[in-house]
């Protein structure tokens, strides 16, 4: 089933039945994934808080958070 919406001022509306079906609210991120032949896949996911991400990722090498923060501001 195809859904069409119009863009106004670089914004568009997600139809109500789709918002309900996908539980879309103000904490939802819309991901646009570019595929072959200039087509796109649209996915919805909830925003992740810092607490939710804490401990989910690791590196193979030791790091220094102070030095990493300094690198951000160079």
C-alpha atoms as a PDB file:
ATOM      1  CA  UNK A   1       0.000   0.000   0.000  1.00  0.00           C
ATOM      2  CA  UNK A   2       1.433   3.370  -0.958  1.00  0.00           C
ATOM      3  CA  UNK A   3       1.041   6.520   1.091  1.00  0.00           C
ATOM      4  CA  UNK A   4       1.529  10.000  -0.325  1.00  0.00           C
ATOM      5  CA  UNK A   5       1.996  13.226   1.601  1.00  0.00           C
ATOM      6  CA  UNK A   6       2.810  16.731   0.413  1.00  0.00           C
ATOM      7  CA  UNK A   7       5.791  18.743   1.643  1.00  0.00           C
ATOM      8  CA  UNK A   8       5.167  22.259   3.020  1.00  0.00           C
ATOM      9  CA  UNK A   9       8.150  24.371   4.142  1.00  0.00           C
ATOM     10  CA  UNK A  10      10.376  21.250   4.143  1.00  0.00           C
ATOM     11  CA  UNK A  11       7.950  19.413   6.459  1.00  0.00           C
ATOM     12  CA  UNK A  12       5.373  16.713   5.918  1.00  0.00           C
ATOM     13  CA  UNK A  13       2.687  14.979   7.975  1.00  0.00           C
ATOM     14  CA  UNK A  14       2.747  11.294   8.838  1.00  0.00           C
ATOM     15  CA  UNK A  15      -0.830  10.039   8.362  1.00  0.00           C
ATOM     16  CA  UNK A  16      -2.738   9.293  11.580  1.00  0.00           C
ATOM     17  CA  UNK A  17      -3.307   5.595  10.848  1.00  0.00           C
ATOM     18  CA  UNK A  18       0.446   5.109  10.304  1.00  0.00           C
ATOM     19  CA  UNK A  19       1.323   7.063  13.478  1.00  0.00           C
ATOM     20  CA  UNK A  20      -1.035   4.826  15.442  1.00  0.00           C
ATOM     21  CA  UNK A  21       0.142   1.585  13.823  1.00  0.00           C
ATOM     22  CA  UNK A  22       3.839   2.397  14.409  1.00  0.00           C
ATOM     23  CA  UNK A  23       3.300   4.098  17.832  1.00  0.00           C
ATOM     24  CA  UNK A  24       4.865   7.297  16.501  1.00  0.00           C
ATOM     25  CA  UNK A  25       5.062  10.156  18.995  1.00  0.00           C
ATOM     26  CA  UNK A  26       7.372  13.068  19.883  1.00  0.00           C
ATOM     27  CA  UNK A  27      10.092  10.593  20.936  1.00  0.00           C
ATOM     28  CA  UNK A  28      10.230   8.960  17.505  1.00  0.00           C
ATOM     29  CA  UNK A  29      13.150   9.350  15.114  1.00  0.00           C
ATOM     30  CA  UNK A  30      12.449   8.974  11.392  1.00  0.00           C
ATOM     31  CA  UNK A  31      15.384   7.323   9.592  1.00  0.00           C
ATOM     32  CA  UNK A  32      15.743   7.763   5.824  1.00  0.00           C
ATOM     33  CA  UNK A  33      17.928   5.037   4.343  1.00  0.00           C
ATOM     34  CA  UNK A  34      19.126   5.568   0.777  1.00  0.00           C
ATOM     35  CA  UNK A  35      18.848   2.445  -1.353  1.00  0.00           C
ATOM     36  CA  UNK A  36      19.765   1.640  -4.932  1.00  0.00           C
ATOM     37  CA  UNK A  37      18.328   3.634  -7.839  1.00  0.00           C
ATOM     38  CA  UNK A  38      17.529   6.697  -5.685  1.00  0.00           C
ATOM     39  CA  UNK A  39      14.904   4.898  -3.622  1.00  0.00           C
ATOM     40  CA  UNK A  40      14.570   5.293   0.129  1.00  0.00           C
ATOM     41  CA  UNK A  41      13.504   3.132   3.026  1.00  0.00           C
ATOM     42  CA  UNK A  42      11.847   4.896   5.946  1.00  0.00           C
ATOM     43  CA  UNK A  43      12.163   3.446   9.448  1.00  0.00           C
ATOM     44  CA  UNK A  44      10.854   4.651  12.789  1.00  0.00           C
ATOM     45  CA  UNK A  45      12.632   4.200  16.114  1.00  0.00           C
ATOM     46  CA  UNK A  46      12.403   5.712  19.569  1.00  0.00           C
ATOM     47  CA  UNK A  47      14.989   8.249  20.732  1.00  0.00           C
ATOM     48  CA  UNK A  48      17.678   6.707  22.873  1.00  0.00           C
ATOM     49  CA  UNK A  49      18.609   8.425  26.102  1.00  0.00           C
ATOM     50  CA  UNK A  50      22.192   8.620  27.307  1.00  0.00           C
ATOM     51  CA  UNK A  51      21.302   6.188  30.103  1.00  0.00           C
ATOM     52  CA  UNK A  52      20.023   3.657  27.575  1.00  0.00           C
ATOM     53  CA  UNK A  53      23.249   3.880  25.566  1.00  0.00           C
ATOM     54  CA  UNK A  54      25.551   3.700  28.578  1.00  0.00           C
ATOM     55  CA  UNK A  55      27.489   0.441  28.495  1.00  0.00           C
ATOM     56  CA  UNK A  56      26.056  -0.676  25.129  1.00  0.00           C
ATOM     57  CA  UNK A  57      29.238   0.025  23.178  1.00  0.00           C
ATOM     58  CA  UNK A  58      32.881  -0.800  23.771  1.00  0.00           C
ATOM     59  CA  UNK A  59      36.228  -0.298  22.067  1.00  0.00           C
ATOM     60  CA  UNK A  60      39.039  -2.775  21.569  1.00  0.00           C
ATOM     61  CA  UNK A  61      41.626  -0.261  22.764  1.00  0.00           C
ATOM     62  CA  UNK A  62      41.855   1.769  25.979  1.00  0.00           C
ATOM     63  CA  UNK A  63      40.585   5.360  25.747  1.00  0.00           C
ATOM     64  CA  UNK A  64      40.887   8.523  27.769  1.00  0.00           C
ATOM     65  CA  UNK A  65      37.565  10.364  27.965  1.00  0.00           C
ATOM     66  CA  UNK A  66      39.221  13.692  28.826  1.00  0.00           C
ATOM     67  CA  UNK A  67      41.420  13.501  25.731  1.00  0.00           C
ATOM     68  CA  UNK A  68      38.466  12.467  23.565  1.00  0.00           C
ATOM     69  CA  UNK A  69      36.484  15.480  24.787  1.00  0.00           C
ATOM     70  CA  UNK A  70      39.423  17.793  24.013  1.00  0.00           C
ATOM     71  CA  UNK A  71      39.494  16.386  20.457  1.00  0.00           C
ATOM     72  CA  UNK A  72      35.848  17.351  19.981  1.00  0.00           C
ATOM     73  CA  UNK A  73      36.637  21.034  20.525  1.00  0.00           C
ATOM     74  CA  UNK A  74      39.694  21.307  18.241  1.00  0.00           C
END
